[in-house]
Amino acid sequence: MFRLAPGTRLRYPVRRPRPPLLLGAWGPKGAALAGRIADEIKVGGSANPAMVGVIRERVAAGAVPAGRDPGEVGVVLGAVTVVDADGAAARARARTEVAMYLAVVADLDPTAGVPADLLGRVKELVDAGRDEDAGRLIPDDVLDLFAFSGTPEQVAAQAQALIDAGAHRVEFGTPHGLTDDGGVELLGGAVLPLLDRTRGRR
């Protein structure tokens, strides 16, 4: 915590007297706090459209008592992203990446229903340094809840599902592609043009 002494001031003109605040949270208390004070709430490690509604309810629990419109708080979801023309290779890479955090975020998502024995096996392999082996255990439906992966069309469809569910923004996380530059190029040139960002906005 950093405290400013009384009378401390900026020695240049202030462009925005109130910078926008984004709060990262999954749980009810963090989301309620976002409802009271934040402009956006970020759910990191999720590509699950069902989480948008869950977070909206949790935000409302804090916004309404504070006299705020819950719709003023933007819900942002973001996760590991691997996009490539070779969709199978992209999804294989994404599985390895997701394996490293699946055991943490799966328990935070009340809608995911990931079997405990699967999480246990994935965690055991990751703890042993066998990330690729752990990733191979992750089925397609689980992968799609916690990462954006595949061809540009597949990734765009995942992002569009979040937009349609009411997400304010979608963040595509690293490693972006089989190479970072290649992934960023595909996201900007092939994925974004496929999105209809006017749908689902609340």
N, C-alpha and C. Protein backbone atom coordinates (compact mmCIF):
# COMPACT_ATOMS: atom_id res chain seq x y z
N MET A 1 0.86 -1.19 0.00
CA MET A 1 0.00 0.00 0.00
C MET A 1 0.89 1.23 0.00
N PHE A 2 0.57 2.18 -0.86
CA PHE A 2 1.34 3.42 -0.96
C PHE A 2 0.44 4.58 -0.59
N ARG A 3 0.89 5.40 0.35
CA ARG A 3 0.09 6.54 0.79
C ARG A 3 0.73 7.83 0.31
N LEU A 4 -0.11 8.77 -0.11
CA LEU A 4 0.35 10.09 -0.51
C LEU A 4 0.22 11.05 0.66
N ALA A 5 1.23 11.88 0.84
CA ALA A 5 1.18 12.88 1.90
C ALA A 5 0.13 13.94 1.56
N PRO A 6 -0.52 14.50 2.57
CA PRO A 6 -1.50 15.57 2.31
C PRO A 6 -0.87 16.69 1.49
N GLY A 7 -1.62 17.17 0.51
CA GLY A 7 -1.12 18.27 -0.31
C GLY A 7 -0.33 17.83 -1.53
N THR A 8 -0.07 16.53 -1.65
CA THR A 8 0.66 16.04 -2.83
C THR A 8 -0.19 16.33 -4.08
N ARG A 9 0.45 16.85 -5.11
CA ARG A 9 -0.30 17.18 -6.32
C ARG A 9 0.55 16.89 -7.55
N LEU A 10 -0.12 16.73 -8.66
CA LEU A 10 0.57 16.54 -9.93
C LEU A 10 0.99 17.90 -10.47
N ARG A 11 2.13 17.93 -11.11
CA ARG A 11 2.65 19.20 -11.64
C ARG A 11 2.43 19.30 -13.15
N TYR A 12 1.35 18.68 -13.60
CA TYR A 12 0.98 18.77 -15.01
C TYR A 12 -0.54 18.62 -15.10
N PRO A 13 -1.13 19.07 -16.20
CA PRO A 13 -2.60 18.99 -16.31
C PRO A 13 -3.08 17.53 -16.27
N VAL A 14 -4.17 17.29 -15.56
CA VAL A 14 -4.75 15.95 -15.45
C VAL A 14 -5.67 15.71 -16.65
N ARG A 15 -5.37 14.67 -17.41
CA ARG A 15 -6.19 14.36 -18.59
C ARG A 15 -7.52 13.75 -18.20
N ARG A 16 -7.50 12.85 -17.20
CA ARG A 16 -8.73 12.21 -16.74
C ARG A 16 -8.74 12.23 -15.22
N PRO A 17 -9.63 12.99 -14.61
CA PRO A 17 -9.64 13.05 -13.15
C PRO A 17 -10.01 11.72 -12.50
N ARG A 18 -10.68 10.84 -13.26
CA ARG A 18 -11.04 9.53 -12.73
C ARG A 18 -10.70 8.45 -13.76
N PRO A 19 -9.51 7.85 -13.66
CA PRO A 19 -9.16 6.78 -14.61
C PRO A 19 -10.10 5.60 -14.44
N PRO A 20 -10.45 4.91 -15.53
CA PRO A 20 -11.32 3.74 -15.41
C PRO A 20 -10.66 2.64 -14.59
N LEU A 21 -11.45 1.95 -13.79
CA LEU A 21 -10.94 0.91 -12.90
C LEU A 21 -11.43 -0.46 -13.35
N LEU A 22 -10.50 -1.38 -13.58
CA LEU A 22 -10.82 -2.77 -13.88
C LEU A 22 -10.39 -3.61 -12.68
N LEU A 23 -11.28 -4.45 -12.19
CA LEU A 23 -10.99 -5.32 -11.06
C LEU A 23 -11.03 -6.77 -11.53
N GLY A 24 -9.98 -7.52 -11.24
CA GLY A 24 -9.95 -8.93 -11.59
C GLY A 24 -10.52 -9.77 -10.47
N ALA A 25 -11.54 -10.58 -10.78
CA ALA A 25 -12.16 -11.41 -9.75
C ALA A 25 -13.02 -12.48 -10.38
N TRP A 26 -13.16 -13.60 -9.66
CA TRP A 26 -14.09 -14.67 -10.03
C TRP A 26 -15.22 -14.77 -9.00
N GLY A 27 -14.87 -14.64 -7.73
CA GLY A 27 -15.79 -14.98 -6.65
C GLY A 27 -16.84 -13.92 -6.36
N PRO A 28 -17.84 -14.29 -5.55
CA PRO A 28 -18.95 -13.38 -5.24
C PRO A 28 -18.51 -12.09 -4.56
N LYS A 29 -17.56 -12.16 -3.63
CA LYS A 29 -17.16 -10.94 -2.91
C LYS A 29 -16.40 -9.99 -3.82
N GLY A 30 -15.49 -10.52 -4.62
CA GLY A 30 -14.75 -9.66 -5.54
C GLY A 30 -15.65 -9.05 -6.59
N ALA A 31 -16.60 -9.84 -7.10
CA ALA A 31 -17.53 -9.33 -8.11
C ALA A 31 -18.45 -8.27 -7.51
N ALA A 32 -18.88 -8.48 -6.27
CA ALA A 32 -19.73 -7.48 -5.62
C ALA A 32 -18.97 -6.18 -5.42
N LEU A 33 -17.69 -6.28 -5.07
CA LEU A 33 -16.87 -5.08 -4.94
C LEU A 33 -16.77 -4.36 -6.28
N ALA A 34 -16.59 -5.12 -7.35
CA ALA A 34 -16.57 -4.51 -8.68
C ALA A 34 -17.88 -3.79 -8.96
N GLY A 35 -18.98 -4.40 -8.54
CA GLY A 35 -20.27 -3.75 -8.72
C GLY A 35 -20.37 -2.42 -8.00
N ARG A 36 -19.68 -2.31 -6.88
CA ARG A 36 -19.73 -1.06 -6.10
C ARG A 36 -18.80 0.01 -6.66
N ILE A 37 -17.61 -0.39 -7.15
CA ILE A 37 -16.60 0.64 -7.42
C ILE A 37 -15.96 0.60 -8.81
N ALA A 38 -16.12 -0.48 -9.56
CA ALA A 38 -15.33 -0.65 -10.78
C ALA A 38 -16.11 -0.30 -12.04
N ASP A 39 -15.35 -0.08 -13.11
CA ASP A 39 -15.94 0.12 -14.43
C ASP A 39 -16.04 -1.20 -15.19
N GLU A 40 -15.10 -2.12 -14.91
CA GLU A 40 -15.10 -3.43 -15.55
C GLU A 40 -14.64 -4.47 -14.54
N ILE A 41 -15.06 -5.71 -14.77
CA ILE A 41 -14.55 -6.84 -14.01
C ILE A 41 -13.96 -7.84 -15.00
N LYS A 42 -12.76 -8.31 -14.71
CA LYS A 42 -12.07 -9.25 -15.61
C LYS A 42 -12.06 -10.64 -14.97
N VAL A 43 -12.56 -11.61 -15.73
CA VAL A 43 -12.50 -13.01 -15.32
C VAL A 43 -11.38 -13.64 -16.14
N GLY A 44 -10.24 -13.84 -15.52
CA GLY A 44 -9.07 -14.35 -16.22
C GLY A 44 -9.04 -15.87 -16.26
N GLY A 45 -8.66 -16.41 -17.40
CA GLY A 45 -8.59 -17.86 -17.53
C GLY A 45 -9.90 -18.51 -17.89
N SER A 46 -10.84 -17.73 -18.41
CA SER A 46 -12.15 -18.28 -18.78
C SER A 46 -12.55 -17.86 -20.18
N ALA A 47 -13.08 -18.82 -20.94
CA ALA A 47 -13.68 -18.55 -22.25
C ALA A 47 -15.10 -19.10 -22.26
N ASN A 48 -15.70 -19.20 -21.09
CA ASN A 48 -16.99 -19.85 -20.91
C ASN A 48 -18.13 -18.84 -20.94
N PRO A 49 -18.99 -18.87 -21.96
CA PRO A 49 -20.10 -17.92 -22.01
C PRO A 49 -21.01 -17.96 -20.79
N ALA A 50 -21.16 -19.12 -20.17
CA ALA A 50 -22.04 -19.23 -19.00
C ALA A 50 -21.55 -18.39 -17.83
N MET A 51 -20.25 -18.09 -17.79
CA MET A 51 -19.71 -17.30 -16.69
C MET A 51 -20.16 -15.84 -16.78
N VAL A 52 -20.54 -15.38 -17.96
CA VAL A 52 -20.96 -13.99 -18.09
C VAL A 52 -22.19 -13.74 -17.22
N GLY A 53 -23.18 -14.62 -17.32
CA GLY A 53 -24.38 -14.47 -16.51
C GLY A 53 -24.11 -14.60 -15.02
N VAL A 54 -23.23 -15.54 -14.65
CA VAL A 54 -22.87 -15.72 -13.24
C VAL A 54 -22.25 -14.45 -12.69
N ILE A 55 -21.31 -13.89 -13.44
CA ILE A 55 -20.63 -12.68 -12.98
C ILE A 55 -21.59 -11.50 -12.94
N ARG A 56 -22.50 -11.43 -13.90
CA ARG A 56 -23.49 -10.34 -13.90
C ARG A 56 -24.31 -10.37 -12.60
N GLU A 57 -24.73 -11.56 -12.17
CA GLU A 57 -25.51 -11.66 -10.94
C GLU A 57 -24.67 -11.24 -9.73
N ARG A 58 -23.41 -11.65 -9.72
CA ARG A 58 -22.54 -11.31 -8.60
C ARG A 58 -22.22 -9.82 -8.56
N VAL A 59 -22.07 -9.22 -9.73
CA VAL A 59 -21.85 -7.77 -9.80
C VAL A 59 -23.07 -7.02 -9.29
N ALA A 60 -24.26 -7.48 -9.69
CA ALA A 60 -25.50 -6.82 -9.28
C ALA A 60 -25.65 -6.81 -7.76
N ALA A 61 -25.16 -7.86 -7.11
CA ALA A 61 -25.27 -7.94 -5.65
C ALA A 61 -24.54 -6.80 -4.96
N GLY A 62 -23.52 -6.25 -5.61
CA GLY A 62 -22.82 -5.10 -5.04
C GLY A 62 -23.28 -3.79 -5.62
N ALA A 63 -23.68 -3.80 -6.90
CA ALA A 63 -24.04 -2.55 -7.57
C ALA A 63 -25.37 -2.00 -7.07
N VAL A 64 -26.38 -2.84 -6.95
CA VAL A 64 -27.72 -2.36 -6.60
C VAL A 64 -27.74 -1.68 -5.23
N PRO A 65 -27.19 -2.28 -4.15
CA PRO A 65 -27.19 -1.59 -2.87
C PRO A 65 -26.40 -0.27 -2.88
N ALA A 66 -25.43 -0.17 -3.83
CA ALA A 66 -24.64 1.06 -3.93
C ALA A 66 -25.31 2.09 -4.83
N GLY A 67 -26.51 1.76 -5.33
CA GLY A 67 -27.23 2.70 -6.18
C GLY A 67 -26.69 2.79 -7.60
N ARG A 68 -25.99 1.75 -8.03
CA ARG A 68 -25.43 1.75 -9.39
C ARG A 68 -26.24 0.81 -10.28
N ASP A 69 -26.25 1.09 -11.55
CA ASP A 69 -26.85 0.20 -12.55
C ASP A 69 -25.83 -0.91 -12.83
N PRO A 70 -26.15 -2.18 -12.55
CA PRO A 70 -25.19 -3.26 -12.80
C PRO A 70 -24.70 -3.31 -14.24
N GLY A 71 -25.54 -2.86 -15.18
CA GLY A 71 -25.16 -2.85 -16.57
C GLY A 71 -24.04 -1.90 -16.91
N GLU A 72 -23.73 -0.97 -15.97
CA GLU A 72 -22.64 -0.04 -16.20
C GLU A 72 -21.28 -0.70 -16.00
N VAL A 73 -21.26 -1.86 -15.38
CA VAL A 73 -19.99 -2.57 -15.13
C VAL A 73 -19.77 -3.57 -16.25
N GLY A 74 -18.74 -3.36 -17.05
CA GLY A 74 -18.45 -4.24 -18.16
C GLY A 74 -17.84 -5.55 -17.70
N VAL A 75 -18.32 -6.66 -18.24
CA VAL A 75 -17.77 -7.97 -17.93
C VAL A 75 -16.78 -8.35 -19.03
N VAL A 76 -15.54 -8.62 -18.61
CA VAL A 76 -14.46 -8.95 -19.54
C VAL A 76 -14.00 -10.37 -19.26
N LEU A 77 -13.92 -11.19 -20.30
CA LEU A 77 -13.36 -12.54 -20.15
C LEU A 77 -12.12 -12.66 -21.02
N GLY A 78 -11.14 -13.37 -20.52
CA GLY A 78 -9.92 -13.57 -21.29
C GLY A 78 -9.24 -14.85 -20.88
N ALA A 79 -8.50 -15.43 -21.83
CA ALA A 79 -7.84 -16.70 -21.54
C ALA A 79 -6.72 -16.93 -22.54
N VAL A 80 -5.95 -17.97 -22.27
CA VAL A 80 -4.93 -18.44 -23.21
C VAL A 80 -5.54 -18.53 -24.60
N THR A 81 -4.81 -18.06 -25.58
CA THR A 81 -5.26 -18.11 -26.97
C THR A 81 -4.17 -18.71 -27.85
N VAL A 82 -4.54 -19.68 -28.65
CA VAL A 82 -3.62 -20.24 -29.65
C VAL A 82 -4.40 -20.40 -30.94
N VAL A 83 -4.09 -19.54 -31.92
CA VAL A 83 -4.78 -19.59 -33.21
C VAL A 83 -3.76 -19.87 -34.30
N ASP A 84 -4.13 -20.73 -35.23
CA ASP A 84 -3.24 -21.08 -36.34
C ASP A 84 -4.08 -21.71 -37.45
N ALA A 85 -3.57 -21.63 -38.67
CA ALA A 85 -4.25 -22.31 -39.78
C ALA A 85 -4.34 -23.80 -39.53
N ASP A 86 -3.36 -24.34 -38.82
CA ASP A 86 -3.38 -25.74 -38.40
C ASP A 86 -4.12 -25.82 -37.06
N GLY A 87 -5.41 -25.98 -37.14
CA GLY A 87 -6.23 -25.95 -35.94
C GLY A 87 -5.88 -27.02 -34.93
N ALA A 88 -5.54 -28.22 -35.40
CA ALA A 88 -5.20 -29.31 -34.48
C ALA A 88 -3.94 -28.99 -33.70
N ALA A 89 -2.94 -28.42 -34.37
CA ALA A 89 -1.70 -28.06 -33.69
C ALA A 89 -1.95 -26.95 -32.68
N ALA A 90 -2.81 -26.00 -33.06
CA ALA A 90 -3.13 -24.90 -32.14
C ALA A 90 -3.81 -25.43 -30.89
N ARG A 91 -4.73 -26.36 -31.05
CA ARG A 91 -5.45 -26.89 -29.89
C ARG A 91 -4.55 -27.76 -29.02
N ALA A 92 -3.60 -28.45 -29.64
CA ALA A 92 -2.65 -29.24 -28.86
C ALA A 92 -1.79 -28.32 -27.98
N ARG A 93 -1.35 -27.21 -28.55
CA ARG A 93 -0.56 -26.25 -27.77
C ARG A 93 -1.40 -25.65 -26.65
N ALA A 94 -2.65 -25.33 -26.96
CA ALA A 94 -3.53 -24.75 -25.95
C ALA A 94 -3.76 -25.73 -24.80
N ARG A 95 -3.88 -27.01 -25.10
CA ARG A 95 -4.07 -28.00 -24.03
C ARG A 95 -2.90 -27.97 -23.04
N THR A 96 -1.69 -27.89 -23.57
CA THR A 96 -0.51 -27.84 -22.71
C THR A 96 -0.54 -26.59 -21.83
N GLU A 97 -0.92 -25.46 -22.43
CA GLU A 97 -0.98 -24.20 -21.67
C GLU A 97 -2.06 -24.25 -20.59
N VAL A 98 -3.24 -24.75 -20.96
CA VAL A 98 -4.36 -24.79 -20.01
C VAL A 98 -4.09 -25.75 -18.86
N ALA A 99 -3.38 -26.83 -19.14
CA ALA A 99 -3.10 -27.81 -18.09
C ALA A 99 -2.45 -27.17 -16.88
N MET A 100 -1.66 -26.14 -17.10
CA MET A 100 -0.90 -25.52 -16.01
C MET A 100 -1.78 -24.75 -15.04
N TYR A 101 -3.00 -24.35 -15.46
CA TYR A 101 -3.86 -23.61 -14.53
C TYR A 101 -5.26 -24.20 -14.39
N LEU A 102 -5.53 -25.31 -15.06
CA LEU A 102 -6.87 -25.86 -15.04
C LEU A 102 -7.35 -26.20 -13.63
N ALA A 103 -6.48 -26.80 -12.83
CA ALA A 103 -6.89 -27.22 -11.49
C ALA A 103 -7.29 -26.05 -10.61
N VAL A 104 -6.80 -24.86 -10.92
CA VAL A 104 -7.14 -23.67 -10.14
C VAL A 104 -8.47 -23.09 -10.61
N VAL A 105 -8.57 -22.81 -11.93
CA VAL A 105 -9.74 -22.08 -12.41
C VAL A 105 -10.99 -22.95 -12.52
N ALA A 106 -10.83 -24.24 -12.73
CA ALA A 106 -12.01 -25.09 -12.86
C ALA A 106 -12.85 -25.07 -11.60
N ASP A 107 -12.20 -24.99 -10.46
CA ASP A 107 -12.94 -24.94 -9.19
C ASP A 107 -13.63 -23.60 -8.97
N LEU A 108 -13.21 -22.57 -9.70
CA LEU A 108 -13.83 -21.25 -9.54
C LEU A 108 -15.07 -21.08 -10.41
N ASP A 109 -15.25 -21.97 -11.38
CA ASP A 109 -16.36 -21.88 -12.32
C ASP A 109 -17.48 -22.82 -11.89
N PRO A 110 -18.58 -22.28 -11.36
CA PRO A 110 -19.66 -23.14 -10.87
C PRO A 110 -20.45 -23.83 -11.98
N THR A 111 -20.21 -23.45 -13.22
CA THR A 111 -20.97 -24.03 -14.33
C THR A 111 -20.18 -25.10 -15.08
N ALA A 112 -18.89 -25.22 -14.82
CA ALA A 112 -18.03 -26.06 -15.67
C ALA A 112 -18.24 -27.55 -15.46
N GLY A 113 -18.36 -27.98 -14.22
CA GLY A 113 -18.57 -29.39 -13.93
C GLY A 113 -17.44 -30.30 -14.37
N VAL A 114 -16.20 -29.84 -14.24
CA VAL A 114 -15.06 -30.68 -14.63
C VAL A 114 -14.88 -31.77 -13.58
N PRO A 115 -14.80 -33.04 -13.99
CA PRO A 115 -14.68 -34.13 -13.01
C PRO A 115 -13.44 -33.98 -12.12
N ALA A 116 -13.62 -34.23 -10.85
CA ALA A 116 -12.52 -34.08 -9.89
C ALA A 116 -11.38 -35.03 -10.21
N ASP A 117 -11.70 -36.23 -10.69
CA ASP A 117 -10.61 -37.17 -10.98
C ASP A 117 -9.76 -36.69 -12.15
N LEU A 118 -10.38 -36.03 -13.13
CA LEU A 118 -9.62 -35.45 -14.24
C LEU A 118 -8.71 -34.35 -13.74
N LEU A 119 -9.24 -33.47 -12.91
CA LEU A 119 -8.42 -32.39 -12.36
C LEU A 119 -7.25 -32.95 -11.57
N GLY A 120 -7.51 -34.01 -10.81
CA GLY A 120 -6.45 -34.62 -10.02
C GLY A 120 -5.34 -35.20 -10.88
N ARG A 121 -5.71 -35.86 -11.97
CA ARG A 121 -4.71 -36.45 -12.86
C ARG A 121 -3.90 -35.37 -13.58
N VAL A 122 -4.60 -34.31 -14.02
CA VAL A 122 -3.91 -33.21 -14.69
C VAL A 122 -2.92 -32.54 -13.74
N LYS A 123 -3.36 -32.27 -12.52
CA LYS A 123 -2.48 -31.62 -11.54
C LYS A 123 -1.26 -32.50 -11.22
N GLU A 124 -1.49 -33.77 -11.09
CA GLU A 124 -0.40 -34.69 -10.77
C GLU A 124 0.67 -34.67 -11.86
N LEU A 125 0.25 -34.67 -13.11
CA LEU A 125 1.21 -34.65 -14.22
C LEU A 125 1.92 -33.30 -14.31
N VAL A 126 1.19 -32.22 -14.10
CA VAL A 126 1.81 -30.89 -14.13
C VAL A 126 2.84 -30.77 -13.02
N ASP A 127 2.49 -31.24 -11.84
CA ASP A 127 3.43 -31.19 -10.71
C ASP A 127 4.70 -31.98 -11.00
N ALA A 128 4.57 -32.99 -11.86
CA ALA A 128 5.72 -33.82 -12.23
C ALA A 128 6.47 -33.24 -13.43
N GLY A 129 6.04 -32.07 -13.90
CA GLY A 129 6.70 -31.45 -15.05
C GLY A 129 6.29 -32.03 -16.39
N ARG A 130 5.21 -32.78 -16.43
CA ARG A 130 4.76 -33.42 -17.66
C ARG A 130 3.54 -32.67 -18.22
N ASP A 131 3.76 -31.40 -18.59
CA ASP A 131 2.67 -30.53 -19.02
C ASP A 131 1.98 -31.04 -20.28
N GLU A 132 2.75 -31.51 -21.25
CA GLU A 132 2.13 -32.00 -22.49
C GLU A 132 1.27 -33.23 -22.23
N ASP A 133 1.76 -34.14 -21.39
CA ASP A 133 0.96 -35.32 -21.05
C ASP A 133 -0.33 -34.90 -20.33
N ALA A 134 -0.20 -33.91 -19.45
CA ALA A 134 -1.39 -33.42 -18.75
C ALA A 134 -2.38 -32.82 -19.73
N GLY A 135 -1.88 -32.06 -20.69
CA GLY A 135 -2.75 -31.43 -21.67
C GLY A 135 -3.52 -32.44 -22.50
N ARG A 136 -2.88 -33.55 -22.81
CA ARG A 136 -3.54 -34.57 -23.64
C ARG A 136 -4.78 -35.15 -22.96
N LEU A 137 -4.87 -35.02 -21.65
CA LEU A 137 -6.03 -35.53 -20.92
C LEU A 137 -7.25 -34.62 -21.03
N ILE A 138 -7.05 -33.39 -21.47
CA ILE A 138 -8.14 -32.40 -21.45
C ILE A 138 -9.02 -32.58 -22.69
N PRO A 139 -10.29 -32.93 -22.51
CA PRO A 139 -11.18 -33.12 -23.66
C PRO A 139 -11.57 -31.79 -24.29
N ASP A 140 -12.08 -31.86 -25.51
CA ASP A 140 -12.42 -30.65 -26.26
C ASP A 140 -13.38 -29.74 -25.51
N ASP A 141 -14.42 -30.31 -24.92
CA ASP A 141 -15.42 -29.46 -24.28
C ASP A 141 -14.84 -28.70 -23.09
N VAL A 142 -13.92 -29.32 -22.37
CA VAL A 142 -13.28 -28.63 -21.24
C VAL A 142 -12.30 -27.58 -21.76
N LEU A 143 -11.54 -27.93 -22.77
CA LEU A 143 -10.60 -26.97 -23.35
C LEU A 143 -11.31 -25.69 -23.76
N ASP A 144 -12.47 -25.82 -24.38
CA ASP A 144 -13.19 -24.65 -24.89
C ASP A 144 -13.73 -23.75 -23.78
N LEU A 145 -13.81 -24.25 -22.56
CA LEU A 145 -14.26 -23.41 -21.44
C LEU A 145 -13.15 -22.53 -20.90
N PHE A 146 -11.88 -22.93 -21.16
CA PHE A 146 -10.77 -22.25 -20.51
C PHE A 146 -9.70 -21.74 -21.46
N ALA A 147 -9.95 -21.78 -22.77
CA ALA A 147 -8.99 -21.27 -23.75
C ALA A 147 -9.70 -21.00 -25.06
N PHE A 148 -9.12 -20.10 -25.84
CA PHE A 148 -9.52 -19.88 -27.22
C PHE A 148 -8.49 -20.60 -28.09
N SER A 149 -8.93 -21.53 -28.93
CA SER A 149 -7.92 -22.28 -29.68
C SER A 149 -8.49 -22.87 -30.95
N GLY A 150 -7.59 -23.02 -31.93
CA GLY A 150 -7.96 -23.63 -33.19
C GLY A 150 -7.70 -22.69 -34.35
N THR A 151 -8.45 -22.87 -35.42
CA THR A 151 -8.35 -22.02 -36.60
C THR A 151 -8.94 -20.65 -36.28
N PRO A 152 -8.68 -19.65 -37.14
CA PRO A 152 -9.32 -18.35 -36.91
C PRO A 152 -10.84 -18.45 -36.80
N GLU A 153 -11.44 -19.31 -37.59
CA GLU A 153 -12.90 -19.47 -37.53
C GLU A 153 -13.34 -20.04 -36.19
N GLN A 154 -12.59 -21.01 -35.68
CA GLN A 154 -12.94 -21.58 -34.37
C GLN A 154 -12.80 -20.56 -33.25
N VAL A 155 -11.72 -19.82 -33.27
CA VAL A 155 -11.48 -18.81 -32.22
C VAL A 155 -12.52 -17.70 -32.31
N ALA A 156 -12.85 -17.28 -33.52
CA ALA A 156 -13.88 -16.25 -33.69
C ALA A 156 -15.23 -16.73 -33.17
N ALA A 157 -15.56 -17.99 -33.41
CA ALA A 157 -16.84 -18.52 -32.93
C ALA A 157 -16.88 -18.53 -31.40
N GLN A 158 -15.76 -18.87 -30.77
CA GLN A 158 -15.71 -18.84 -29.30
C GLN A 158 -15.89 -17.42 -28.78
N ALA A 159 -15.17 -16.47 -29.38
CA ALA A 159 -15.29 -15.08 -28.94
C ALA A 159 -16.69 -14.54 -29.19
N GLN A 160 -17.29 -14.91 -30.32
CA GLN A 160 -18.64 -14.44 -30.62
C GLN A 160 -19.64 -14.96 -29.61
N ALA A 161 -19.44 -16.19 -29.14
CA ALA A 161 -20.35 -16.74 -28.12
C ALA A 161 -20.29 -15.92 -26.84
N LEU A 162 -19.11 -15.41 -26.49
CA LEU A 162 -19.00 -14.55 -25.31
C LEU A 162 -19.67 -13.20 -25.54
N ILE A 163 -19.48 -12.64 -26.72
CA ILE A 163 -20.13 -11.37 -27.05
C ILE A 163 -21.64 -11.53 -27.01
N ASP A 164 -22.12 -12.63 -27.59
CA ASP A 164 -23.57 -12.88 -27.60
C ASP A 164 -24.12 -13.09 -26.19
N ALA A 165 -23.27 -13.59 -25.29
CA ALA A 165 -23.70 -13.80 -23.90
C ALA A 165 -23.69 -12.50 -23.11
N GLY A 166 -23.16 -11.41 -23.70
CA GLY A 166 -23.17 -10.11 -23.04
C GLY A 166 -21.83 -9.63 -22.55
N ALA A 167 -20.74 -10.28 -22.94
CA ALA A 167 -19.42 -9.81 -22.54
C ALA A 167 -19.15 -8.44 -23.14
N HIS A 168 -18.59 -7.56 -22.34
CA HIS A 168 -18.24 -6.21 -22.77
C HIS A 168 -16.99 -6.23 -23.64
N ARG A 169 -16.04 -7.06 -23.26
CA ARG A 169 -14.80 -7.21 -24.02
C ARG A 169 -14.33 -8.65 -23.92
N VAL A 170 -13.52 -9.06 -24.89
CA VAL A 170 -12.86 -10.36 -24.88
C VAL A 170 -11.36 -10.09 -25.03
N GLU A 171 -10.56 -10.69 -24.16
CA GLU A 171 -9.11 -10.51 -24.22
C GLU A 171 -8.45 -11.82 -24.64
N PHE A 172 -7.66 -11.76 -25.71
CA PHE A 172 -6.94 -12.92 -26.19
C PHE A 172 -5.56 -12.95 -25.56
N GLY A 173 -5.32 -13.95 -24.71
CA GLY A 173 -4.06 -14.02 -23.97
C GLY A 173 -2.96 -14.75 -24.72
N THR A 174 -1.78 -14.67 -24.14
CA THR A 174 -0.62 -15.36 -24.71
C THR A 174 -0.80 -16.86 -24.62
N PRO A 175 -0.16 -17.62 -25.50
CA PRO A 175 0.89 -17.24 -26.46
C PRO A 175 0.37 -16.75 -27.81
N HIS A 176 -0.93 -16.56 -27.96
CA HIS A 176 -1.58 -16.05 -29.17
C HIS A 176 -1.60 -17.03 -30.33
N GLY A 177 -0.48 -17.69 -30.60
CA GLY A 177 -0.42 -18.65 -31.70
C GLY A 177 0.72 -19.62 -31.49
N LEU A 178 1.02 -20.40 -32.50
CA LEU A 178 2.18 -21.29 -32.41
C LEU A 178 3.45 -20.45 -32.34
N THR A 179 3.41 -19.26 -32.93
CA THR A 179 4.41 -18.22 -32.66
C THR A 179 3.63 -16.98 -32.25
N ASP A 180 4.22 -16.14 -31.42
CA ASP A 180 3.49 -14.97 -30.94
C ASP A 180 3.13 -14.03 -32.08
N ASP A 181 4.11 -13.72 -32.95
CA ASP A 181 3.84 -12.81 -34.07
C ASP A 181 2.78 -13.37 -35.01
N GLY A 182 2.87 -14.66 -35.30
CA GLY A 182 1.89 -15.28 -36.18
C GLY A 182 0.50 -15.25 -35.59
N GLY A 183 0.42 -15.49 -34.29
CA GLY A 183 -0.88 -15.46 -33.63
C GLY A 183 -1.50 -14.09 -33.62
N VAL A 184 -0.70 -13.08 -33.31
CA VAL A 184 -1.21 -11.70 -33.28
C VAL A 184 -1.68 -11.29 -34.68
N GLU A 185 -0.92 -11.67 -35.70
CA GLU A 185 -1.31 -11.34 -37.07
C GLU A 185 -2.64 -11.98 -37.44
N LEU A 186 -2.83 -13.25 -37.05
CA LEU A 186 -4.09 -13.91 -37.35
C LEU A 186 -5.25 -13.33 -36.54
N LEU A 187 -4.99 -12.98 -35.30
CA LEU A 187 -6.06 -12.40 -34.49
C LEU A 187 -6.55 -11.09 -35.11
N GLY A 188 -5.60 -10.24 -35.51
CA GLY A 188 -5.98 -8.95 -36.08
C GLY A 188 -6.53 -9.05 -37.49
N GLY A 189 -5.95 -9.95 -38.29
CA GLY A 189 -6.30 -10.00 -39.70
C GLY A 189 -7.37 -11.00 -40.07
N ALA A 190 -7.55 -12.04 -39.24
CA ALA A 190 -8.50 -13.10 -39.60
C ALA A 190 -9.61 -13.32 -38.58
N VAL A 191 -9.32 -13.12 -37.29
CA VAL A 191 -10.33 -13.37 -36.26
C VAL A 191 -11.24 -12.16 -36.08
N LEU A 192 -10.65 -10.99 -35.82
CA LEU A 192 -11.47 -9.81 -35.54
C LEU A 192 -12.46 -9.47 -36.66
N PRO A 193 -12.08 -9.60 -37.94
CA PRO A 193 -13.06 -9.29 -38.99
C PRO A 193 -14.29 -10.21 -39.00
N LEU A 194 -14.19 -11.37 -38.36
CA LEU A 194 -15.31 -12.30 -38.33
C LEU A 194 -16.31 -11.99 -37.21
N LEU A 195 -15.96 -11.09 -36.31
CA LEU A 195 -16.80 -10.84 -35.14
C LEU A 195 -17.84 -9.76 -35.40
N ASP A 196 -19.04 -10.00 -34.89
CA ASP A 196 -20.09 -9.00 -34.89
C ASP A 196 -20.19 -8.48 -33.47
N ARG A 197 -19.50 -7.35 -33.21
CA ARG A 197 -19.41 -6.85 -31.86
C ARG A 197 -20.62 -6.02 -31.45
N THR A 198 -21.60 -5.91 -32.33
CA THR A 198 -22.83 -5.18 -31.97
C THR A 198 -23.85 -6.11 -31.32
N ARG A 199 -23.64 -7.42 -31.44
CA ARG A 199 -24.61 -8.37 -30.89
C ARG A 199 -24.32 -8.63 -29.42
N GLY A 200 -25.38 -8.84 -28.66
CA GLY A 200 -25.23 -9.30 -27.29
C GLY A 200 -24.82 -8.23 -26.30
N ARG A 201 -24.56 -6.97 -26.73
CA ARG A 201 -24.12 -5.96 -25.80
C ARG A 201 -25.28 -5.53 -24.91
N ARG A 202 -24.97 -5.40 -23.62
CA ARG A 202 -26.03 -5.03 -22.67
C ARG A 202 -25.63 -3.75 -21.95
